[in-house]
Amino acid sequence: MKNELFSIGPFTVYGYGLMIGIGIIAAYLTAESRAKKLKLDPEKIFGLVLWCLIFGYLGSKILFCITVIDEIIADPAFILHSLQNGWVVYGGLIGGILGGYLYCRHKKVNFLSYFDLAVPSVALAQGFGRIGCFLAGCCYGRETASPLGITFTHSDFAPNGVSLIPTQEISSLLNFINFFILITIAKRKKAEGQVGAFYLIFYSIGRFILEFYRGDLERGSVGSLSTSQFIAIFTLIAGIILVIVSQMLANKGVKAFMVGPGGTAWQAEPEKAEAVKAASDTQNSDDEEPSTDDTPETEEEAAPEDAGEASEKE
């Protein structure tokens, strides 16, 4: 596995960056396509992705700095040296969700609807991202004698010449499976927010288990658990709560959680709603106007009476 794929002059294409780019593009196109089918505004997807990326990067970098705080205290310049590498996925997820929430608040649209729209694309992007991890050699597994083990020879991160558990490929496969499962759930969901909730549940369980087989040490720890395992406990609980609460509130008729025409996701945009209302008002006013054919008939009927009265007077 080699991270440097090829070079064009002074420009070098790295496998990790390429896979991240492919993942982002695939996520964007998938979300935009599904937005049209779900009666959401596809024009908002670009802004949503941009906000999620910015906040996701910041969250990922902040959590990474927390896990290596001792090294930063010893050498503050370590932060500058790690700008091009050193991220924590959970930090990116938390930051991305926060960015998506703030964007939806800014655009005055239902966050839960766009949350459900986005998370399958997030799983898809993660699948490609883990392929990038495999090419770079980061996020590697423990040593193993299994015939399924992989051996790196040109990695700057994983130990070279040692058979390791292929945690990157396993994680990539789980994310792709998660993508297809979430797409299926999205077609059958009973409340807004449930697709996002199941994403949190599935990813948390998979990540918690897979962490036991990771071999890289720069992940931080909380007691006997890795930082990601510790966070996974809370995201799992949050996902379970969201599934239950969203269903309860949808059953009570809370529009933010309702799926279909009764929910906020199906409401027209403010500008479109005003245009539709204006067109409806115009049509109603036209229907209320008297027919122009009635006026001549009334005048014609009145004319003989006027003539008779005139002759009597004469």
Protein backbone atom coordinates (compact mmCIF):
# COMPACT_ATOMS: atom_id res chain seq x y z
CA MET A 1 0.00 0.00 0.00
CA LYS A 2 1.38 3.34 -1.05
CA ASN A 3 -0.08 6.72 -0.24
CA GLU A 4 1.75 8.60 -3.01
CA LEU A 5 -0.12 7.41 -6.10
CA PHE A 6 1.48 9.55 -8.80
CA SER A 7 2.97 12.98 -9.47
CA ILE A 8 2.34 15.59 -12.14
CA GLY A 9 5.28 17.96 -12.03
CA PRO A 10 5.51 19.35 -8.49
CA PHE A 11 1.98 18.15 -7.73
CA THR A 12 1.63 14.79 -5.95
CA VAL A 13 -1.65 12.90 -5.71
CA TYR A 14 -2.02 11.10 -2.39
CA GLY A 15 -4.33 8.14 -1.96
CA TYR A 16 -5.75 9.41 1.32
CA GLY A 17 -6.66 12.83 -0.06
CA LEU A 18 -8.03 11.33 -3.27
CA MET A 19 -10.35 8.99 -1.39
CA ILE A 20 -11.53 11.80 0.88
CA GLY A 21 -12.31 13.89 -2.20
CA ILE A 22 -14.17 11.04 -3.89
CA GLY A 23 -16.13 10.45 -0.69
CA ILE A 24 -17.18 14.09 -0.41
CA ILE A 25 -18.28 14.27 -4.05
CA ALA A 26 -20.18 10.98 -3.80
CA ALA A 27 -21.87 12.15 -0.61
CA TYR A 28 -22.88 15.46 -2.18
CA LEU A 29 -24.28 13.94 -5.37
CA THR A 30 -26.17 11.27 -3.45
CA ALA A 31 -27.71 13.78 -1.05
CA GLU A 32 -28.68 16.15 -3.86
CA SER A 33 -30.34 13.35 -5.82
CA ARG A 34 -32.25 12.07 -2.79
CA ALA A 35 -33.33 15.60 -1.80
CA LYS A 36 -35.40 15.90 -4.97
CA LYS A 37 -37.14 12.60 -4.28
CA LEU A 38 -37.84 13.53 -0.65
CA LYS A 39 -39.32 16.95 -1.57
CA LEU A 40 -36.46 18.78 0.12
CA ASP A 41 -34.68 21.73 -1.46
CA PRO A 42 -31.67 20.41 -3.45
CA GLU A 43 -30.28 23.94 -3.72
CA LYS A 44 -29.53 23.88 0.00
CA ILE A 45 -27.36 20.76 -0.19
CA PHE A 46 -24.19 22.57 -1.26
CA GLY A 47 -24.40 24.99 1.66
CA LEU A 48 -25.23 22.15 4.04
CA VAL A 49 -22.22 20.12 2.90
CA LEU A 50 -19.94 23.16 3.14
CA TRP A 51 -21.00 24.01 6.70
CA CYS A 52 -20.70 20.36 7.77
CA LEU A 53 -17.22 20.12 6.27
CA ILE A 54 -15.96 23.26 7.98
CA PHE A 55 -17.38 22.41 11.39
CA GLY A 56 -16.44 18.75 10.92
CA TYR A 57 -12.83 19.64 10.24
CA LEU A 58 -12.70 21.89 13.29
CA GLY A 59 -14.35 19.29 15.52
CA SER A 60 -12.05 16.54 14.28
CA LYS A 61 -8.95 18.62 14.83
CA ILE A 62 -10.07 19.84 18.28
CA LEU A 63 -10.73 16.29 19.49
CA PHE A 64 -7.38 15.15 18.10
CA CYS A 65 -5.63 17.93 20.01
CA ILE A 66 -7.42 16.81 23.17
CA THR A 67 -6.14 13.24 22.72
CA VAL A 68 -2.54 14.45 22.34
CA ILE A 69 -2.73 17.34 24.79
CA ASP A 70 0.43 16.17 26.60
CA GLU A 71 2.48 16.47 23.41
CA ILE A 72 1.01 19.91 22.69
CA ILE A 73 1.89 21.12 26.18
CA ALA A 74 5.44 19.86 25.73
CA ASP A 75 5.72 21.34 22.24
CA PRO A 76 2.99 23.85 21.18
CA ALA A 77 4.39 23.82 17.63
CA PHE A 78 3.04 20.27 17.37
CA ILE A 79 -0.33 21.80 16.41
CA LEU A 80 1.19 23.39 13.30
CA HIS A 81 2.97 20.17 12.37
CA SER A 82 -0.30 18.20 12.56
CA LEU A 83 -2.46 20.48 10.39
CA GLN A 84 -2.23 18.11 7.42
CA ASN A 85 -2.80 14.96 9.46
CA GLY A 86 -4.24 13.95 12.79
CA TRP A 87 -8.03 13.82 12.92
CA VAL A 88 -10.57 12.00 15.07
CA VAL A 89 -13.69 10.81 13.26
CA TYR A 90 -15.99 11.30 16.23
CA GLY A 91 -14.88 14.91 16.52
CA GLY A 92 -15.72 15.33 12.85
CA LEU A 93 -19.16 13.77 13.35
CA ILE A 94 -20.03 15.95 16.32
CA GLY A 95 -18.73 19.07 14.58
CA GLY A 96 -20.50 18.17 11.34
CA ILE A 97 -23.83 17.63 13.09
CA LEU A 98 -23.44 20.97 14.86
CA GLY A 99 -22.62 22.66 11.55
CA GLY A 100 -25.66 21.09 9.90
CA TYR A 101 -27.91 22.19 12.75
CA LEU A 102 -26.66 25.79 12.59
CA TYR A 103 -27.08 25.86 8.80
CA CYS A 104 -30.66 24.61 9.03
CA ARG A 105 -31.43 27.19 11.71
CA HIS A 106 -29.92 29.87 9.47
CA LYS A 107 -32.05 28.75 6.49
CA LYS A 108 -35.13 28.14 8.68
CA VAL A 109 -35.66 24.54 7.58
CA ASN A 110 -36.31 21.42 9.61
CA PHE A 111 -32.95 20.09 10.82
CA LEU A 112 -34.23 16.55 11.40
CA SER A 113 -35.33 16.19 7.76
CA TYR A 114 -31.92 17.24 6.45
CA PHE A 115 -30.18 15.19 9.15
CA ASP A 116 -31.96 12.09 7.85
CA LEU A 117 -31.06 13.09 4.31
CA ALA A 118 -27.37 13.58 5.11
CA VAL A 119 -26.39 10.61 7.28
CA PRO A 120 -26.51 7.91 4.56
CA SER A 121 -24.17 10.13 2.54
CA VAL A 122 -21.94 10.49 5.60
CA ALA A 123 -21.65 6.70 5.84
CA LEU A 124 -20.85 6.55 2.13
CA ALA A 125 -18.12 9.17 2.48
CA GLN A 126 -16.68 7.33 5.48
CA GLY A 127 -16.48 4.15 3.40
CA PHE A 128 -14.27 5.89 0.85
CA GLY A 129 -12.35 7.68 3.61
CA ARG A 130 -11.35 4.39 5.23
CA ILE A 131 -9.97 3.22 1.89
CA GLY A 132 -7.80 6.33 2.10
CA CYS A 133 -6.72 5.24 5.57
CA PHE A 134 -5.73 1.88 4.14
CA LEU A 135 -3.63 3.52 1.41
CA ALA A 136 -1.92 5.81 3.92
CA GLY A 137 -1.50 3.10 6.55
CA CYS A 138 -3.14 5.02 9.39
CA CYS A 139 -5.81 3.60 11.71
CA TYR A 140 -4.13 0.21 11.42
CA GLY A 141 -4.91 -2.92 13.39
CA ARG A 142 -3.07 -5.10 15.86
CA GLU A 143 -0.52 -7.70 14.87
CA THR A 144 -2.04 -10.98 13.73
CA ALA A 145 -1.02 -14.40 12.43
CA SER A 146 -4.26 -14.72 10.48
CA PRO A 147 -4.02 -15.28 6.71
CA LEU A 148 -6.36 -12.29 6.38
CA GLY A 149 -3.71 -9.98 7.80
CA ILE A 150 -2.13 -7.24 5.68
CA THR A 151 1.50 -6.13 5.60
CA PHE A 152 2.57 -2.56 4.88
CA THR A 153 5.87 -1.84 3.19
CA HIS A 154 5.84 1.92 2.51
CA SER A 155 3.70 3.36 5.30
CA ASP A 156 4.64 6.42 7.31
CA PHE A 157 2.17 5.39 10.03
CA ALA A 158 1.76 1.61 10.30
CA PRO A 159 4.69 -0.64 11.21
CA ASN A 160 6.13 -2.00 7.97
CA GLY A 161 6.85 -5.68 7.44
CA VAL A 162 4.35 -6.81 10.10
CA SER A 163 1.06 -8.64 9.47
CA LEU A 164 -1.80 -6.53 10.86
CA ILE A 165 -5.56 -6.89 11.27
CA PRO A 166 -7.12 -5.03 8.30
CA THR A 167 -9.20 -2.66 10.44
CA GLN A 168 -9.36 -0.04 7.68
CA GLU A 169 -10.95 -2.46 5.19
CA ILE A 170 -13.33 -3.81 7.81
CA SER A 171 -14.37 -0.28 8.76
CA SER A 172 -14.82 0.66 5.09
CA LEU A 173 -17.00 -2.38 4.46
CA LEU A 174 -19.12 -1.67 7.55
CA ASN A 175 -19.66 1.93 6.42
CA PHE A 176 -20.77 0.87 2.94
CA ILE A 177 -23.17 -1.66 4.47
CA ASN A 178 -24.42 1.05 6.83
CA PHE A 179 -25.09 3.28 3.81
CA PHE A 180 -27.36 0.73 2.13
CA ILE A 181 -29.15 -0.12 5.39
CA LEU A 182 -29.83 3.57 6.10
CA ILE A 183 -31.19 4.09 2.57
CA THR A 184 -33.61 1.22 3.22
CA ILE A 185 -34.62 2.62 6.62
CA ALA A 186 -35.18 6.05 5.04
CA LYS A 187 -37.86 4.57 2.78
CA ARG A 188 -39.74 3.10 5.76
CA LYS A 189 -39.13 5.60 8.57
CA LYS A 190 -42.08 6.60 10.73
CA ALA A 191 -40.66 9.85 12.10
CA GLU A 192 -38.14 12.51 11.14
CA GLY A 193 -34.78 11.97 12.79
CA GLN A 194 -34.97 8.18 12.86
CA VAL A 195 -32.49 7.64 10.01
CA GLY A 196 -29.96 9.81 11.83
CA ALA A 197 -30.70 7.96 15.04
CA PHE A 198 -30.07 4.56 13.49
CA TYR A 199 -26.84 5.87 12.00
CA LEU A 200 -25.66 6.79 15.48
CA ILE A 201 -26.68 3.37 16.77
CA PHE A 202 -25.05 1.31 14.02
CA TYR A 203 -21.86 3.35 13.81
CA SER A 204 -21.42 3.44 17.58
CA ILE A 205 -21.74 -0.33 17.93
CA GLY A 206 -19.42 -1.06 15.01
CA ARG A 207 -16.82 1.47 16.13
CA PHE A 208 -16.89 0.31 19.76
CA ILE A 209 -16.17 -3.29 18.75
CA LEU A 210 -13.59 -2.44 16.09
CA GLU A 211 -11.59 -0.32 18.52
CA PHE A 212 -10.54 -3.49 20.36
CA TYR A 213 -8.62 -4.55 17.24
CA ARG A 214 -6.92 -1.23 16.52
CA GLY A 215 -3.17 -1.10 16.94
CA ASP A 216 -2.42 2.61 16.61
CA LEU A 217 -1.75 4.20 19.97
CA GLU A 218 -2.39 7.91 19.28
CA ARG A 219 -6.12 7.68 19.95
CA GLY A 220 -6.32 8.76 23.56
CA SER A 221 -8.01 6.81 26.32
CA VAL A 222 -10.54 7.19 29.11
CA GLY A 223 -9.78 4.54 31.68
CA SER A 224 -9.62 1.19 29.93
CA LEU A 225 -11.56 2.51 26.92
CA SER A 226 -10.25 4.41 23.95
CA THR A 227 -11.58 7.94 23.43
CA SER A 228 -13.77 6.72 20.56
CA GLN A 229 -15.20 3.88 22.65
CA PHE A 230 -16.01 6.29 25.44
CA ILE A 231 -17.82 8.65 23.04
CA ALA A 232 -19.54 5.70 21.33
CA ILE A 233 -21.39 4.87 24.55
CA PHE A 234 -23.03 8.29 24.57
CA THR A 235 -23.78 8.41 20.84
CA LEU A 236 -25.38 4.97 21.11
CA ILE A 237 -27.60 6.16 23.97
CA ALA A 238 -28.43 9.35 22.05
CA GLY A 239 -29.43 7.30 19.00
CA ILE A 240 -31.71 5.01 21.00
CA ILE A 241 -33.37 7.96 22.73
CA LEU A 242 -33.89 9.77 19.43
CA VAL A 243 -35.58 6.74 17.85
CA ILE A 244 -38.05 6.48 20.73
CA VAL A 245 -38.69 10.19 21.29
CA SER A 246 -39.08 11.00 17.59
CA GLN A 247 -41.73 8.30 17.24
CA MET A 248 -43.62 9.51 20.32
CA LEU A 249 -43.62 13.13 19.16
CA ALA A 250 -44.63 12.16 15.62
CA ASN A 251 -47.59 10.21 17.03
CA LYS A 252 -48.58 13.32 19.01
CA GLY A 253 -48.63 15.38 15.84
CA VAL A 254 -45.50 17.48 16.36
CA LYS A 255 -44.83 18.66 12.80
CA ALA A 256 -41.03 18.71 13.08
CA PHE A 257 -41.12 14.93 13.62
CA MET A 258 -43.96 14.02 11.25
CA VAL A 259 -43.22 12.30 7.93
CA GLY A 260 -45.23 13.15 4.82
CA PRO A 261 -47.55 16.04 3.89
CA GLY A 262 -48.31 16.77 7.54
CA GLY A 263 -44.66 17.37 8.41
CA THR A 264 -42.49 20.41 7.94
CA ALA A 265 -40.31 18.70 5.33
CA TRP A 266 -43.13 18.85 2.80
CA GLN A 267 -43.94 22.50 3.27
CA ALA A 268 -43.15 24.84 0.40
CA GLU A 269 -40.33 27.33 0.68
CA PRO A 270 -41.45 30.79 1.96
CA GLU A 271 -41.03 32.43 -1.46
CA LYS A 272 -42.85 29.63 -3.25
CA ALA A 273 -45.57 29.55 -0.61
CA GLU A 274 -46.24 33.27 -1.10
CA ALA A 275 -46.36 32.83 -4.87
CA VAL A 276 -48.81 29.95 -4.56
CA LYS A 277 -50.96 31.92 -2.12
CA ALA A 278 -51.00 34.95 -4.43
CA ALA A 279 -51.99 32.79 -7.40
CA SER A 280 -54.74 31.18 -5.33
CA ASP A 281 -56.09 34.56 -4.20
CA THR A 282 -56.14 35.80 -7.80
CA GLN A 283 -58.02 32.74 -8.94
CA ASN A 284 -60.57 33.09 -6.15
CA SER A 285 -61.20 36.75 -6.97
CA ASP A 286 -61.73 35.87 -10.61
CA ASP A 287 -64.27 33.22 -9.63
CA GLU A 288 -66.22 35.71 -7.54
CA GLU A 289 -66.61 38.31 -10.36
CA PRO A 290 -70.06 38.29 -12.04
CA SER A 291 -70.27 37.00 -15.56
CA THR A 292 -70.18 39.69 -18.26
CA ASP A 293 -72.90 37.84 -20.17
CA ASP A 294 -75.48 38.61 -17.44
CA THR A 295 -75.31 42.37 -17.82
CA PRO A 296 -76.64 42.65 -21.38
CA GLU A 297 -79.45 40.24 -20.60
CA THR A 298 -80.54 42.42 -17.67
CA GLU A 299 -80.40 45.54 -19.75
CA GLU A 300 -82.35 43.90 -22.59
CA GLU A 301 -85.05 42.72 -20.21
CA ALA A 302 -85.36 46.16 -18.69
CA ALA A 303 -85.58 47.93 -22.04
CA PRO A 304 -89.18 46.88 -22.99
CA GLU A 305 -90.45 47.91 -19.57
CA ASP A 306 -88.86 51.32 -19.96
CA ALA A 307 -90.41 51.60 -23.43
CA GLY A 308 -93.88 50.70 -22.10
CA GLU A 309 -93.66 53.24 -19.34
CA ALA A 310 -92.62 55.85 -21.84
CA SER A 311 -95.61 55.11 -24.10
CA GLU A 312 -98.03 55.29 -21.19
CA LYS A 313 -96.66 58.67 -20.25
CA GLU A 314 -97.07 59.87 -23.80
